[in-house]
C-alpha atoms as a PDB file:
ATOM      1  CA  MET A   1    -152.029  92.343  -6.181  1.00  0.00           C
ATOM      2  CA  LEU A   2    -148.911  90.484  -7.284  1.00  0.00           C
ATOM      3  CA  TRP A   3    -149.975  87.423  -5.319  1.00  0.00           C
ATOM      4  CA  LEU A   4    -153.433  87.560  -6.796  1.00  0.00           C
ATOM      5  CA  ALA A   5    -151.892  87.846 -10.254  1.00  0.00           C
ATOM      6  CA  ASP A   6    -149.817  84.745  -9.546  1.00  0.00           C
ATOM      7  CA  THR A   7    -152.889  83.007  -8.197  1.00  0.00           C
ATOM      8  CA  ASP A   8    -154.832  83.873 -11.344  1.00  0.00           C
ATOM      9  CA  ALA A   9    -151.953  82.609 -13.467  1.00  0.00           C
ATOM     10  CA  GLU A  10    -151.906  79.353 -11.484  1.00  0.00           C
ATOM     11  CA  ALA A  11    -155.666  79.056 -11.826  1.00  0.00           C
ATOM     12  CA  ASP A  12    -155.385  79.623 -15.556  1.00  0.00           C
ATOM     13  CA  SER A  13    -152.607  77.033 -15.644  1.00  0.00           C
ATOM     14  CA  LEU A  14    -154.806  74.559 -13.723  1.00  0.00           C
ATOM     15  CA  GLU A  15    -157.711  75.185 -16.088  1.00  0.00           C
ATOM     16  CA  LEU A  16    -155.339  74.645 -18.995  1.00  0.00           C
ATOM     17  CA  THR A  17    -154.118  71.445 -17.318  1.00  0.00           C
ATOM     18  CA  ASP A  18    -157.703  70.251 -16.804  1.00  0.00           C
ATOM     19  CA  ALA A  19    -158.438  71.007 -20.444  1.00  0.00           C
ATOM     20  CA  LEU A  20    -155.315  69.067 -21.419  1.00  0.00           C
ATOM     21  CA  VAL A  21    -156.370  66.154 -19.189  1.00  0.00           C
ATOM     22  CA  ASP A  22    -159.830  66.184 -20.762  1.00  0.00           C
ATOM     23  CA  TRP A  23    -158.279  66.327 -24.233  1.00  0.00           C
ATOM     24  CA  LEU A  24    -155.964  63.444 -23.414  1.00  0.00           C
ATOM     25  CA  ALA A  25    -158.902  61.475 -22.027  1.00  0.00           C
ATOM     26  CA  ASP A  26    -160.783  62.126 -25.259  1.00  0.00           C
ATOM     27  CA  THR A  27    -157.660  61.126 -27.208  1.00  0.00           C
ATOM     28  CA  ASP A  28    -157.465  57.826 -25.263  1.00  0.00           C
ATOM     29  CA  ALA A  29    -161.137  57.215 -25.933  1.00  0.00           C
ATOM     30  CA  GLU A  30    -160.578  57.882 -29.642  1.00  0.00           C
ATOM     31  CA  ALA A  31    -157.572  55.535 -29.631  1.00  0.00           C
ATOM     32  CA  ASP A  32    -159.705  52.819 -27.991  1.00  0.00           C
ATOM     33  CA  SER A  33    -162.406  53.506 -30.572  1.00  0.00           C
ATOM     34  CA  LEU A  34    -159.857  53.185 -33.380  1.00  0.00           C
ATOM     35  CA  GLU A  35    -158.659  49.834 -31.986  1.00  0.00           C
ATOM     36  CA  LEU A  36    -162.286  48.670 -31.844  1.00  0.00           C
ATOM     37  CA  THR A  37    -162.783  49.976 -35.396  1.00  0.00           C
ATOM     38  CA  ASP A  38    -159.715  48.027 -36.584  1.00  0.00           C
ATOM     39  CA  ALA A  39    -161.072  44.869 -34.972  1.00  0.00           C
ATOM     40  CA  LEU A  40    -164.451  45.543 -36.577  1.00  0.00           C
ATOM     41  CA  ALA A  41    -162.786  46.079 -39.971  1.00  0.00           C
ATOM     42  CA  ASP A  42    -160.981  42.746 -39.626  1.00  0.00           C
ATOM     43  CA  TRP A  43    -164.242  41.065 -38.651  1.00  0.00           C
ATOM     44  CA  LEU A  44    -166.061  42.613 -41.631  1.00  0.00           C
ATOM     45  CA  ALA A  45    -163.253  41.453 -43.950  1.00  0.00           C
ATOM     46  CA  ASP A  46    -163.712  37.922 -42.597  1.00  0.00           C
ATOM     47  CA  THR A  47    -167.487  38.307 -43.051  1.00  0.00           C
ATOM     48  CA  ASP A  48    -166.990  39.323 -46.711  1.00  0.00           C
ATOM     49  CA  ALA A  49    -164.816  36.240 -47.244  1.00  0.00           C
ATOM     50  CA  GLU A  50    -167.553  34.094 -45.675  1.00  0.00           C
ATOM     51  CA  VAL A  51    -170.174  35.717 -47.950  1.00  0.00           C
ATOM     52  CA  ASP A  52    -167.984  34.912 -50.979  1.00  0.00           C
ATOM     53  CA  SER A  53    -167.772  31.323 -49.708  1.00  0.00           C
ATOM     54  CA  LEU A  54    -171.572  31.207 -49.374  1.00  0.00           C
ATOM     55  CA  GLU A  55    -171.946  32.505 -52.963  1.00  0.00           C
ATOM     56  CA  LEU A  56    -169.686  29.644 -54.080  1.00  0.00           C
ATOM     57  CA  THR A  57    -171.904  27.311 -52.049  1.00  0.00           C
ATOM     58  CA  ASP A  58    -174.943  28.730 -53.902  1.00  0.00           C
ATOM     59  CA  ALA A  59    -173.275  27.895 -57.237  1.00  0.00           C
ATOM     60  CA  LEU A  60    -172.637  24.373 -55.941  1.00  0.00           C
ATOM     61  CA  VAL A  61    -176.275  24.108 -54.837  1.00  0.00           C
ATOM     62  CA  ASP A  62    -177.408  25.166 -58.342  1.00  0.00           C
ATOM     63  CA  SER A  63    -175.150  22.512 -59.875  1.00  0.00           C
ATOM     64  CA  LEU A  64    -176.482  19.904 -57.474  1.00  0.00           C
ATOM     65  CA  ALA A  65    -180.026  21.045 -58.287  1.00  0.00           C
ATOM     66  CA  LEU A  66    -179.289  20.052 -61.901  1.00  0.00           C
ATOM     67  CA  THR A  67    -178.041  16.722 -60.554  1.00  0.00           C
ATOM     68  CA  ASP A  68    -181.319  16.326 -58.648  1.00  0.00           C
ATOM     69  CA  ALA A  69    -183.239  17.033 -61.877  1.00  0.00           C
ATOM     70  CA  GLU A  70    -181.291  14.270 -63.624  1.00  0.00           C
ATOM     71  CA  ALA A  71    -181.968  11.955 -60.689  1.00  0.00           C
ATOM     72  CA  ASP A  72    -185.705  12.714 -61.067  1.00  0.00           C
ATOM     73  CA  SER A  73    -185.531  11.247 -64.591  1.00  0.00           C
ATOM     74  CA  LEU A  74    -184.494   7.866 -63.169  1.00  0.00           C
ATOM     75  CA  GLU A  75    -186.836   5.176 -61.890  1.00  0.00           C
ATOM     76  CA  LEU A  76    -186.601   6.063 -58.200  1.00  0.00           C
ATOM     77  CA  THR A  77    -187.691   3.888 -55.325  1.00  0.00           C
ATOM     78  CA  ASP A  78    -190.246   5.245 -52.855  1.00  0.00           C
ATOM     79  CA  ALA A  79    -187.625   5.453 -50.131  1.00  0.00           C
ATOM     80  CA  LEU A  80    -185.276   7.470 -52.345  1.00  0.00           C
ATOM     81  CA  ALA A  81    -188.125   9.751 -53.412  1.00  0.00           C
ATOM     82  CA  ASP A  82    -188.878  10.455 -49.749  1.00  0.00           C
ATOM     83  CA  TRP A  83    -185.211  11.118 -49.130  1.00  0.00           C
ATOM     84  CA  LEU A  84    -185.046  13.553 -52.057  1.00  0.00           C
ATOM     85  CA  ALA A  85    -188.083  15.343 -50.649  1.00  0.00           C
ATOM     86  CA  ASP A  86    -186.091  15.791 -47.440  1.00  0.00           C
ATOM     87  CA  THR A  87    -183.167  17.052 -49.545  1.00  0.00           C
ATOM     88  CA  ASP A  88    -185.467  19.606 -51.182  1.00  0.00           C
ATOM     89  CA  ALA A  89    -186.477  20.748 -47.708  1.00  0.00           C
ATOM     90  CA  GLU A  90    -182.778  21.171 -46.887  1.00  0.00           C
ATOM     91  CA  ALA A  91    -182.337  23.180 -50.095  1.00  0.00           C
ATOM     92  CA  ASP A  92    -185.201  25.418 -48.932  1.00  0.00           C
ATOM     93  CA  SER A  93    -183.315  25.768 -45.652  1.00  0.00           C
ATOM     94  CA  LEU A  94    -180.240  26.868 -47.633  1.00  0.00           C
ATOM     95  CA  ALA A  95    -182.377  29.499 -49.363  1.00  0.00           C
ATOM     96  CA  ASP A  96    -183.407  30.707 -45.906  1.00  0.00           C
ATOM     97  CA  THR A  97    -179.699  30.769 -44.989  1.00  0.00           C
ATOM     98  CA  ASP A  98    -179.048  33.002 -48.029  1.00  0.00           C
ATOM     99  CA  ALA A  99    -181.760  35.364 -46.794  1.00  0.00           C
ATOM    100  CA  GLU A 100    -180.076  35.360 -43.390  1.00  0.00           C
ATOM    101  CA  VAL A 101    -176.751  36.176 -45.081  1.00  0.00           C
ATOM    102  CA  ASP A 102    -178.390  39.142 -46.825  1.00  0.00           C
ATOM    103  CA  SER A 103    -179.770  40.183 -43.455  1.00  0.00           C
ATOM    104  CA  LEU A 104    -176.278  39.893 -41.958  1.00  0.00           C
ATOM    105  CA  ALA A 105    -174.948  42.131 -44.747  1.00  0.00           C
ATOM    106  CA  ASP A 106    -177.532  44.748 -43.770  1.00  0.00           C
ATOM    107  CA  THR A 107    -176.503  44.225 -40.164  1.00  0.00           C
ATOM    108  CA  ASP A 108    -172.887  44.869 -41.155  1.00  0.00           C
ATOM    109  CA  ALA A 109    -173.903  48.216 -42.698  1.00  0.00           C
ATOM    110  CA  GLU A 110    -175.744  49.144 -39.520  1.00  0.00           C
ATOM    111  CA  ALA A 111    -172.825  47.956 -37.393  1.00  0.00           C
ATOM    112  CA  ASP A 112    -170.562  50.429 -39.202  1.00  0.00           C
ATOM    113  CA  SER A 113    -172.585  53.264 -37.672  1.00  0.00           C
ATOM    114  CA  LEU A 114    -172.640  51.737 -34.186  1.00  0.00           C
ATOM    115  CA  GLU A 115    -170.026  51.471 -31.422  1.00  0.00           C
ATOM    116  CA  LEU A 116    -169.972  47.693 -30.906  1.00  0.00           C
ATOM    117  CA  THR A 117    -168.694  46.028 -27.776  1.00  0.00           C
ATOM    118  CA  GLU A 118    -166.321  43.072 -27.929  1.00  0.00           C
ATOM    119  CA  ALA A 119    -168.964  40.816 -26.340  1.00  0.00           C
ATOM    120  CA  LEU A 120    -171.503  41.588 -29.112  1.00  0.00           C
ATOM    121  CA  TRP A 121    -168.890  40.967 -31.812  1.00  0.00           C
ATOM    122  CA  LEU A 122    -167.954  37.604 -30.275  1.00  0.00           C
ATOM    123  CA  ALA A 123    -171.620  36.595 -30.020  1.00  0.00           C
ATOM    124  CA  ASP A 124    -172.213  37.344 -33.724  1.00  0.00           C
ATOM    125  CA  THR A 125    -169.013  35.484 -34.646  1.00  0.00           C
ATOM    126  CA  ASP A 126    -170.129  32.373 -32.723  1.00  0.00           C
ATOM    127  CA  ALA A 127    -173.536  32.458 -34.414  1.00  0.00           C
ATOM    128  CA  GLU A 128    -171.924  32.677 -37.858  1.00  0.00           C
ATOM    129  CA  ALA A 129    -169.510  29.841 -37.000  1.00  0.00           C
ATOM    130  CA  ASP A 130    -172.500  27.650 -36.062  1.00  0.00           C
ATOM    131  CA  SER A 131    -174.235  28.613 -39.337  1.00  0.00           C
ATOM    132  CA  LEU A 132    -171.125  27.708 -41.345  1.00  0.00           C
ATOM    133  CA  ALA A 133    -170.877  24.354 -39.543  1.00  0.00           C
ATOM    134  CA  ASP A 134    -174.507  23.629 -40.520  1.00  0.00           C
ATOM    135  CA  THR A 135    -173.708  24.638 -44.126  1.00  0.00           C
ATOM    136  CA  ASP A 136    -170.746  22.214 -44.206  1.00  0.00           C
ATOM    137  CA  ALA A 137    -173.001  19.418 -42.964  1.00  0.00           C
ATOM    138  CA  GLU A 138    -175.543  20.194 -45.718  1.00  0.00           C
ATOM    139  CA  VAL A 139    -172.780  20.215 -48.358  1.00  0.00           C
ATOM    140  CA  ASP A 140    -171.669  16.761 -47.102  1.00  0.00           C
ATOM    141  CA  SER A 141    -175.285  15.581 -47.415  1.00  0.00           C
ATOM    142  CA  LEU A 142    -175.459  16.838 -51.014  1.00  0.00           C
ATOM    143  CA  THR A 143    -172.172  15.044 -51.750  1.00  0.00           C
ATOM    144  CA  ASP A 144    -173.818  11.838 -50.482  1.00  0.00           C
ATOM    145  CA  THR A 145    -176.701  12.569 -52.904  1.00  0.00           C
ATOM    146  CA  ASP A 146    -174.241  12.595 -55.838  1.00  0.00           C
ATOM    147  CA  ALA A 147    -172.778   9.273 -54.685  1.00  0.00           C
ATOM    148  CA  GLU A 148    -176.282   7.753 -54.544  1.00  0.00           C
ATOM    149  CA  ALA A 149    -177.064   9.082 -58.042  1.00  0.00           C
ATOM    150  CA  ASP A 150    -173.887   7.380 -59.324  1.00  0.00           C
ATOM    151  CA  SER A 151    -174.996   4.182 -57.577  1.00  0.00           C
ATOM    152  CA  LEU A 152    -178.402   4.391 -59.308  1.00  0.00           C
ATOM    153  CA  GLU A 153    -176.744   4.753 -62.713  1.00  0.00           C
ATOM    154  CA  LEU A 154    -174.666   1.642 -61.938  1.00  0.00           C
ATOM    155  CA  THR A 155    -177.836  -0.170 -60.825  1.00  0.00           C
ATOM    156  CA  ASP A 156    -179.582   0.748 -64.093  1.00  0.00           C
ATOM    157  CA  ALA A 157    -176.651  -0.617 -66.089  1.00  0.00           C
ATOM    158  CA  LEU A 158    -176.794  -3.821 -64.022  1.00  0.00           C
ATOM    159  CA  ALA A 159    -180.565  -4.071 -64.573  1.00  0.00           C
ATOM    160  CA  ASP A 160    -180.073  -3.735 -68.342  1.00  0.00           C
ATOM    161  CA  TRP A 161    -177.389  -6.437 -68.249  1.00  0.00           C
ATOM    162  CA  LEU A 162    -179.635  -8.749 -66.213  1.00  0.00           C
ATOM    163  CA  ALA A 163    -182.494  -8.143 -68.662  1.00  0.00           C
ATOM    164  CA  ASP A 164    -180.202  -9.132 -71.530  1.00  0.00           C
ATOM    165  CA  THR A 165    -179.054 -12.159 -69.517  1.00  0.00           C
ATOM    166  CA  ASP A 166    -182.681 -13.196 -68.884  1.00  0.00           C
ATOM    167  CA  ALA A 167    -183.384 -12.959 -72.617  1.00  0.00           C
ATOM    168  CA  GLU A 168    -180.353 -15.150 -73.314  1.00  0.00           C
ATOM    169  CA  VAL A 169    -181.482 -17.657 -70.655  1.00  0.00           C
ATOM    170  CA  ASP A 170    -184.957 -17.788 -72.248  1.00  0.00           C
ATOM    171  CA  TRP A 171    -183.374 -18.374 -75.669  1.00  0.00           C
ATOM    172  CA  LEU A 172    -181.175 -21.141 -74.240  1.00  0.00           C
ATOM    173  CA  ALA A 173    -184.235 -22.713 -72.609  1.00  0.00           C
ATOM    174  CA  ASP A 174    -186.019 -22.680 -75.982  1.00  0.00           C
ATOM    175  CA  THR A 175    -182.889 -24.130 -77.591  1.00  0.00           C
ATOM    176  CA  ASP A 176    -182.772 -26.906 -74.968  1.00  0.00           C
ATOM    177  CA  ALA A 177    -186.444 -27.692 -75.586  1.00  0.00           C
ATOM    178  CA  GLU A 178    -185.788 -27.889 -79.332  1.00  0.00           C
ATOM    179  CA  ALA A 179    -182.753 -30.114 -78.706  1.00  0.00           C
ATOM    180  CA  ASP A 180    -184.874 -32.418 -76.524  1.00  0.00           C
ATOM    181  CA  SER A 181    -187.512 -32.497 -79.267  1.00  0.00           C
ATOM    182  CA  LEU A 182    -184.863 -33.373 -81.840  1.00  0.00           C
ATOM    183  CA  GLU A 183    -183.514 -36.162 -79.626  1.00  0.00           C
ATOM    184  CA  LEU A 184    -187.056 -37.508 -79.267  1.00  0.00           C
ATOM    185  CA  THR A 185    -187.495 -37.280 -83.050  1.00  0.00           C
ATOM    186  CA  ASP A 186    -184.234 -39.160 -83.588  1.00  0.00           C
ATOM    187  CA  ALA A 187    -185.398 -41.901 -81.212  1.00  0.00           C
ATOM    188  CA  LEU A 188    -188.718 -42.085 -83.071  1.00  0.00           C
ATOM    189  CA  VAL A 189    -186.903 -42.343 -86.420  1.00  0.00           C
ATOM    190  CA  ASP A 190    -184.739 -45.150 -85.028  1.00  0.00           C
ATOM    191  CA  TRP A 191    -187.807 -46.944 -83.719  1.00  0.00           C
ATOM    192  CA  LEU A 192    -189.604 -46.572 -87.051  1.00  0.00           C
ATOM    193  CA  ALA A 193    -186.527 -47.899 -88.838  1.00  0.00           C
ATOM    194  CA  LEU A 194    -186.596 -50.934 -86.567  1.00  0.00           C
ATOM    195  CA  THR A 195    -190.340 -51.277 -87.154  1.00  0.00           C
ATOM    196  CA  ASP A 196    -189.829 -51.130 -90.923  1.00  0.00           C
ATOM    197  CA  ALA A 197    -187.127 -53.793 -90.661  1.00  0.00           C
ATOM    198  CA  GLU A 198    -189.434 -55.974 -88.587  1.00  0.00           C
ATOM    199  CA  ALA A 199    -192.261 -55.444 -91.104  1.00  0.00           C
ATOM    200  CA  ASP A 200    -189.957 -56.415 -93.944  1.00  0.00           C
ATOM    201  CA  SER A 201    -188.937 -59.487 -91.957  1.00  0.00           C
ATOM    202  CA  LEU A 202    -192.591 -60.391 -91.375  1.00  0.00           C
ATOM    203  CA  GLU A 203    -193.361 -59.988 -95.077  1.00  0.00           C
ATOM    204  CA  LEU A 204    -190.408 -62.243 -95.875  1.00  0.00           C
ATOM    205  CA  THR A 205    -191.658 -64.771 -93.314  1.00  0.00           C
ATOM    206  CA  ASP A 206    -195.131 -64.729 -94.859  1.00  0.00           C
ATOM    207  CA  ALA A 207    -193.669 -65.354 -98.345  1.00  0.00           C
ATOM    208  CA  LEU A 208    -191.589 -68.217 -96.936  1.00  0.00           C
ATOM    209  CA  ALA A 209    -194.635 -69.704 -95.249  1.00  0.00           C
ATOM    210  CA  ASP A 210    -196.562 -69.524 -98.521  1.00  0.00           C
ATOM    211  CA  TRP A 211    -193.669 -71.132-100.363  1.00  0.00           C
ATOM    212  CA  LEU A 212    -193.394 -73.887 -97.783  1.00  0.00           C
ATOM    213  CA  ALA A 213    -197.105 -74.488 -97.993  1.00  0.00           C
ATOM    214  CA  ASP A 214    -196.821 -74.769-101.748  1.00  0.00           C
ATOM    215  CA  THR A 215    -193.826 -77.084-101.329  1.00  0.00           C
ATOM    216  CA  ASP A 216    -195.756 -79.295 -98.921  1.00  0.00           C
ATOM    217  CA  ALA A 217    -198.623 -79.536-101.402  1.00  0.00           C
ATOM    218  CA  GLU A 218    -196.245 -80.439-104.201  1.00  0.00           C
ATOM    219  CA  ALA A 219    -194.501 -83.025-102.022  1.00  0.00           C
ATOM    220  CA  GLU A 220    -197.815 -84.573-101.064  1.00  0.00           C
ATOM    221  CA  ALA A 221    -198.929 -84.694-104.715  1.00  0.00           C
ATOM    222  CA  LEU A 222    -195.622 -86.250-105.699  1.00  0.00           C
ATOM    223  CA  TRP A 223    -195.883 -88.835-102.946  1.00  0.00           C
ATOM    224  CA  LEU A 224    -199.445 -89.727-104.023  1.00  0.00           C
ATOM    225  CA  ALA A 225    -198.280 -90.092-107.612  1.00  0.00           C
ATOM    226  CA  LEU A 226    -195.476 -92.394-106.557  1.00  0.00           C
ATOM    227  CA  THR A 227    -197.908 -94.432-104.490  1.00  0.00           C
ATOM    228  CA  ASP A 228    -200.214 -94.829-107.478  1.00  0.00           C
ATOM    229  CA  VAL A 229    -197.330 -95.998-109.660  1.00  0.00           C
ATOM    230  CA  GLU A 230    -196.306 -98.598-107.128  1.00  0.00           C
ATOM    231  CA  ALA A 231    -199.880 -99.813-106.929  1.00  0.00           C
ATOM    232  CA  LEU A 232    -199.953-100.379-110.667  1.00  0.00           C
END
């Protein structure tokens, strides 16, 4: 009986030990779960920071949308219009990205209730990193759009200046034509002055010829008179 009592005590002790082992195993599992939960909390904190960054990107997209509206008011070339159409398509893609971000937020809420493995967490992180890389590339493209809009404003200013320059060139051409006309007029005036002088000279010559003719007649009459006197 005493041996059996000891045996029962040992059996109870073994059962207690097994229960302790099971409890410790559960405790280890809970500790592992807590470590996974901490990692998940860190990941969700990073995800919230990325969502805030995407909201800032949305504000930038809205600002650039205003820039696109101003660019639409310019006289755009066909090539630029096609390019802006592509930019609008990229903006639509950003809107789809926002929807995906909202979906990821819902996924985060569902992930809180799930026991995620490290492999799944890494896969989601890689996908988000790729999405952020695409977003950076789109932001760079929109920055290029601003630079092109500035270039168009400079081109418009240059076009206005060239238009003014063309007007000045036309005015100078008219001025040159008038100057040429005035030079021709001056030459004509000089020629007419010479012509008037020649006409005056001709009139003087005619008067002299008449006078000489009269003188010849008088000389002849005088000579005849003298001849008659000598004859007498």
